[in-house]
């Protein structure tokens, strides 16, 4: 009885039972999660990819500091500083001398050197410097030298101060002998300084002024007063 029942079932063209169809929801991929616009934009910029036309870059969220820029990105210009091309010791038009305030680009550059601020702390500027700037620095250097030394100061005393200054500004490579000669000339001694290179003269005037101001423990106001006096004296010489 069991065998005949199986045969009857096999003899009939009955369709096989179908597998239950999978639901549409299981076949669809999960919805994509939208990424924050700001982070995606910053990553594409870091990779050096151009931004799509017409799409404005989203600013970073409040309180989030901007990440350092990578190669290929434009950097924001640094704060304005006295540039080598604009270094002059001439007073601006309409500026009166004798105010006690630093008024020239050369004077501000010298003040940077006295405060050990870049780029002045490296010595001679990289660009052109006019004669009026050189004169301001030379006069300020002389004022500082004569405040530090007596006219008949011993050479050994001068040599000690020069050695300390050369060591403190080793990156500038100041020549010791030329530096001593310029100090002695500022004290009124007749010494051969004509063969000293102009770049060395400028570096000595800038960096020795800074060292002397430090040795004399001059405050910012005293340094500014010396530089302002040098500007006034240089302006008087240029109008003669």
Protein backbone atom coordinates (compact mmCIF):
# COMPACT_ATOMS: atom_id res chain seq x y z
CA UNK A 1 0.00 0.00 0.00
CA UNK A 2 2.80 2.37 0.76
CA UNK A 3 4.68 1.63 -2.49
CA UNK A 4 1.61 2.19 -4.72
CA UNK A 5 0.94 5.51 -3.01
CA UNK A 6 4.48 6.68 -3.72
CA UNK A 7 4.18 5.61 -7.38
CA UNK A 8 0.97 7.47 -7.82
CA UNK A 9 2.57 10.58 -6.53
CA UNK A 10 5.55 10.22 -8.83
CA UNK A 11 3.37 9.57 -11.83
CA UNK A 12 1.47 12.81 -11.50
CA UNK A 13 2.93 16.02 -12.94
CA UNK A 14 2.49 17.92 -9.78
CA UNK A 15 4.75 20.97 -9.40
CA UNK A 16 7.34 20.86 -6.72
CA UNK A 17 6.62 23.09 -3.78
CA UNK A 18 8.24 26.48 -4.30
CA UNK A 19 10.65 27.97 -1.86
CA UNK A 20 9.24 30.96 -0.01
CA UNK A 21 10.21 34.10 -1.87
CA UNK A 22 12.63 36.37 -0.09
CA UNK A 23 11.14 39.62 0.97
CA UNK A 24 12.09 42.80 -0.85
CA UNK A 25 13.45 44.35 2.30
CA UNK A 26 16.13 41.66 2.75
CA UNK A 27 17.43 42.14 -0.83
CA UNK A 28 17.85 45.91 -0.65
CA UNK A 29 21.18 47.19 0.71
CA UNK A 30 21.09 49.20 3.93
CA UNK A 31 20.65 52.94 3.39
CA UNK A 32 23.90 54.87 3.15
CA UNK A 33 24.69 57.16 6.04
CA UNK A 34 25.37 60.72 4.91
CA UNK A 35 28.81 61.99 5.91
CA UNK A 36 29.28 65.43 7.41
CA UNK A 37 29.97 67.90 4.65
CA UNK A 38 32.69 69.75 6.54
CA UNK A 39 34.96 66.76 7.22
CA UNK A 40 34.63 65.36 3.69
CA UNK A 41 35.53 68.75 2.23
CA UNK A 42 38.57 69.14 4.44
CA UNK A 43 39.84 65.66 3.56
CA UNK A 44 39.52 66.31 -0.18
CA UNK A 45 41.42 69.55 0.22
CA UNK A 46 44.18 67.85 2.18
CA UNK A 47 44.64 65.39 -0.68
CA UNK A 48 45.14 68.32 -3.07
CA UNK A 49 41.89 67.64 -5.02
CA UNK A 50 40.13 70.68 -6.51
CA UNK A 51 36.73 71.44 -5.09
CA UNK A 52 33.69 71.04 -7.38
CA UNK A 53 32.64 74.17 -9.20
CA UNK A 54 29.99 76.14 -7.46
CA UNK A 55 30.39 74.31 -4.15
CA UNK A 56 31.40 76.49 -1.24
CA UNK A 57 33.62 75.06 1.46
CA UNK A 58 31.85 74.66 4.77
CA UNK A 59 33.55 76.42 7.69
CA UNK A 60 34.75 74.24 10.57
CA UNK A 61 32.39 73.94 13.53
CA UNK A 62 32.71 76.53 16.26
CA UNK A 63 35.42 75.71 18.75
CA UNK A 64 37.26 73.34 16.35
CA UNK A 65 40.76 74.44 15.44
CA UNK A 66 41.76 74.28 11.80
CA UNK A 67 44.18 71.45 10.99
CA UNK A 68 47.64 72.32 9.59
CA UNK A 69 47.59 72.77 5.85
CA UNK A 70 49.33 70.18 3.68
CA UNK A 71 51.41 70.60 0.53
CA UNK A 72 49.49 72.01 -2.42
CA UNK A 73 47.22 74.21 -0.35
CA UNK A 74 47.47 77.96 -0.17
CA UNK A 75 48.61 79.33 3.14
CA UNK A 76 47.32 82.51 4.67
CA UNK A 77 49.82 85.37 4.46
CA UNK A 78 51.73 86.01 7.70
CA UNK A 79 51.07 89.13 9.75
CA UNK A 80 52.71 92.22 8.22
CA UNK A 81 56.29 92.70 9.35
CA UNK A 82 58.99 95.13 8.27
CA UNK A 83 60.12 93.71 4.96
CA UNK A 84 63.64 93.93 3.62
CA UNK A 85 62.40 96.02 0.64
CA UNK A 86 60.77 98.64 2.87
CA UNK A 87 63.59 99.07 5.38
CA UNK A 88 64.29 102.78 5.52
CA UNK A 89 65.39 105.16 8.22
CA UNK A 90 63.47 108.11 6.83
CA UNK A 91 60.59 109.47 8.85
CA UNK A 92 57.17 109.10 7.20
CA UNK A 93 55.80 112.23 5.50
CA UNK A 94 54.35 114.58 8.07
CA UNK A 95 55.98 112.73 10.99
CA UNK A 96 57.77 115.10 13.34
CA UNK A 97 61.07 114.13 14.92
CA UNK A 98 61.63 114.26 18.65
CA UNK A 99 58.40 112.53 19.73
CA UNK A 100 60.30 109.80 21.58
CA UNK A 101 58.52 107.10 19.59
CA UNK A 102 59.97 104.77 16.97
CA UNK A 103 58.71 105.98 13.61
CA UNK A 104 60.76 104.22 10.90
CA UNK A 105 60.90 100.69 9.54
CA UNK A 106 64.63 100.59 10.31
CA UNK A 107 63.92 101.51 13.91
CA UNK A 108 61.28 98.82 14.26
CA UNK A 109 63.64 96.26 12.75
CA UNK A 110 66.30 97.20 15.28
CA UNK A 111 63.78 96.87 18.09
CA UNK A 112 63.00 93.34 16.88
CA UNK A 113 66.70 92.52 17.07
CA UNK A 114 66.89 93.84 20.64
CA UNK A 115 63.93 91.65 21.59
CA UNK A 116 65.41 88.60 19.83
CA UNK A 117 62.52 88.35 17.40
CA UNK A 118 62.72 86.91 13.91
CA UNK A 119 63.86 87.85 11.36
CA UNK A 120 66.04 90.53 12.92
CA UNK A 121 67.73 88.15 15.37
CA UNK A 122 69.58 86.55 12.45
CA UNK A 123 71.47 89.74 11.68
CA UNK A 124 71.70 91.42 8.31
CA UNK A 125 68.44 91.65 6.33
CA UNK A 126 68.17 89.65 3.12
CA UNK A 127 67.03 92.53 0.90
CA UNK A 128 68.16 96.01 0.05
CA UNK A 129 68.60 98.54 2.83
CA UNK A 130 68.88 102.24 2.11
CA UNK A 131 71.50 104.57 3.52
CA UNK A 132 69.09 106.15 5.98
CA UNK A 133 68.48 102.78 7.66
CA UNK A 134 72.21 102.13 7.95
CA UNK A 135 72.64 105.52 9.55
CA UNK A 136 69.91 104.88 12.14
CA UNK A 137 71.51 101.56 13.10
CA UNK A 138 75.01 103.01 13.28
CA UNK A 139 73.89 105.88 15.54
CA UNK A 140 71.87 103.58 17.81
CA UNK A 141 74.84 101.21 18.03
CA UNK A 142 77.10 104.10 19.02
CA UNK A 143 74.67 105.28 21.69
CA UNK A 144 74.57 101.80 23.23
CA UNK A 145 78.36 101.37 23.05
CA UNK A 146 79.03 104.68 24.79
CA UNK A 147 76.49 103.84 27.46
CA UNK A 148 78.28 100.56 28.14
CA UNK A 149 81.94 101.66 27.91
CA UNK A 150 83.97 104.66 28.94
CA UNK A 151 85.95 106.32 26.13
CA UNK A 152 89.21 104.93 27.54
CA UNK A 153 87.87 101.43 28.25
CA UNK A 154 90.49 98.69 28.29
CA UNK A 155 90.69 96.46 25.24
CA UNK A 156 90.29 93.38 27.45
CA UNK A 157 86.94 94.68 28.69
CA UNK A 158 85.75 95.29 25.14
CA UNK A 159 86.97 91.84 24.09
CA UNK A 160 84.98 90.13 26.84
CA UNK A 161 81.75 91.84 25.81
CA UNK A 162 82.38 91.08 22.13
CA UNK A 163 83.16 87.42 22.88
CA UNK A 164 79.86 87.03 24.75
CA UNK A 165 77.92 88.71 21.94
CA UNK A 166 79.56 86.58 19.24
CA UNK A 167 78.75 83.44 21.23
CA UNK A 168 75.14 84.49 21.83
CA UNK A 169 74.64 85.17 18.11
CA UNK A 170 76.70 82.26 16.80
CA UNK A 171 74.24 81.65 13.95
CA UNK A 172 75.25 85.01 12.43
CA UNK A 173 78.96 84.12 12.41
CA UNK A 174 80.19 87.55 13.48
CA UNK A 175 83.96 88.00 13.02
CA UNK A 176 85.48 88.84 16.40
CA UNK A 177 88.22 91.21 15.19
CA UNK A 178 85.90 93.25 12.96
CA UNK A 179 83.36 93.48 15.78
CA UNK A 180 85.99 94.80 18.20
CA UNK A 181 87.10 97.37 15.61
CA UNK A 182 83.57 98.71 15.19
CA UNK A 183 83.12 98.99 18.95
CA UNK A 184 86.39 100.87 19.31
CA UNK A 185 85.45 103.17 16.40
CA UNK A 186 82.16 103.97 18.13
CA UNK A 187 84.19 105.02 21.20
CA UNK A 188 86.11 107.53 19.06
CA UNK A 189 89.29 105.51 18.48
CA UNK A 190 90.88 105.68 15.04
CA UNK A 191 90.90 102.10 13.76
CA UNK A 192 90.81 100.65 10.23
CA UNK A 193 87.16 99.78 9.47
CA UNK A 194 86.98 100.68 5.79
CA UNK A 195 87.68 97.14 4.62
CA UNK A 196 84.91 95.54 6.68
CA UNK A 197 82.14 94.16 4.48
CA UNK A 198 78.87 96.09 4.56
CA UNK A 199 76.88 93.00 5.56
CA UNK A 200 79.19 92.49 8.54
CA UNK A 201 78.83 96.13 9.59
CA UNK A 202 75.03 95.87 9.51
CA UNK A 203 75.01 92.58 11.44
CA UNK A 204 77.34 93.97 14.12
CA UNK A 205 75.29 97.14 14.51
CA UNK A 206 72.09 95.12 14.90
CA UNK A 207 73.25 92.21 17.04
CA UNK A 208 75.77 94.05 19.22
CA UNK A 209 73.07 96.59 19.96
CA UNK A 210 70.88 93.70 21.14
CA UNK A 211 73.68 92.22 23.27
CA UNK A 212 74.56 95.57 24.84
CA UNK A 213 70.91 96.24 25.65
CA UNK A 214 70.78 92.86 27.36
CA UNK A 215 74.06 93.42 29.21
CA UNK A 216 72.87 96.82 30.41
CA UNK A 217 69.51 95.29 31.42
CA UNK A 218 67.61 97.93 29.46
CA UNK A 219 63.85 97.73 29.52
CA UNK A 220 61.66 98.05 26.44
CA UNK A 221 61.01 101.73 27.09
CA UNK A 222 64.75 102.47 27.39
CA UNK A 223 65.51 100.56 24.18
CA UNK A 224 62.76 102.42 22.36
CA UNK A 225 64.09 105.75 23.63
CA UNK A 226 67.59 105.01 22.29
CA UNK A 227 66.22 103.99 18.90
CA UNK A 228 63.97 107.05 18.72
CA UNK A 229 66.94 109.27 19.56
CA UNK A 230 68.94 107.59 16.79
CA UNK A 231 66.11 108.24 14.33
CA UNK A 232 66.02 111.90 15.35
CA UNK A 233 69.79 112.32 14.95
CA UNK A 234 69.76 110.51 11.59
CA UNK A 235 66.89 112.68 10.36
CA UNK A 236 68.79 115.84 11.34
CA UNK A 237 71.86 114.67 9.41
CA UNK A 238 69.81 113.89 6.29
CA UNK A 239 68.23 117.36 6.23
CA UNK A 240 71.58 119.17 6.38
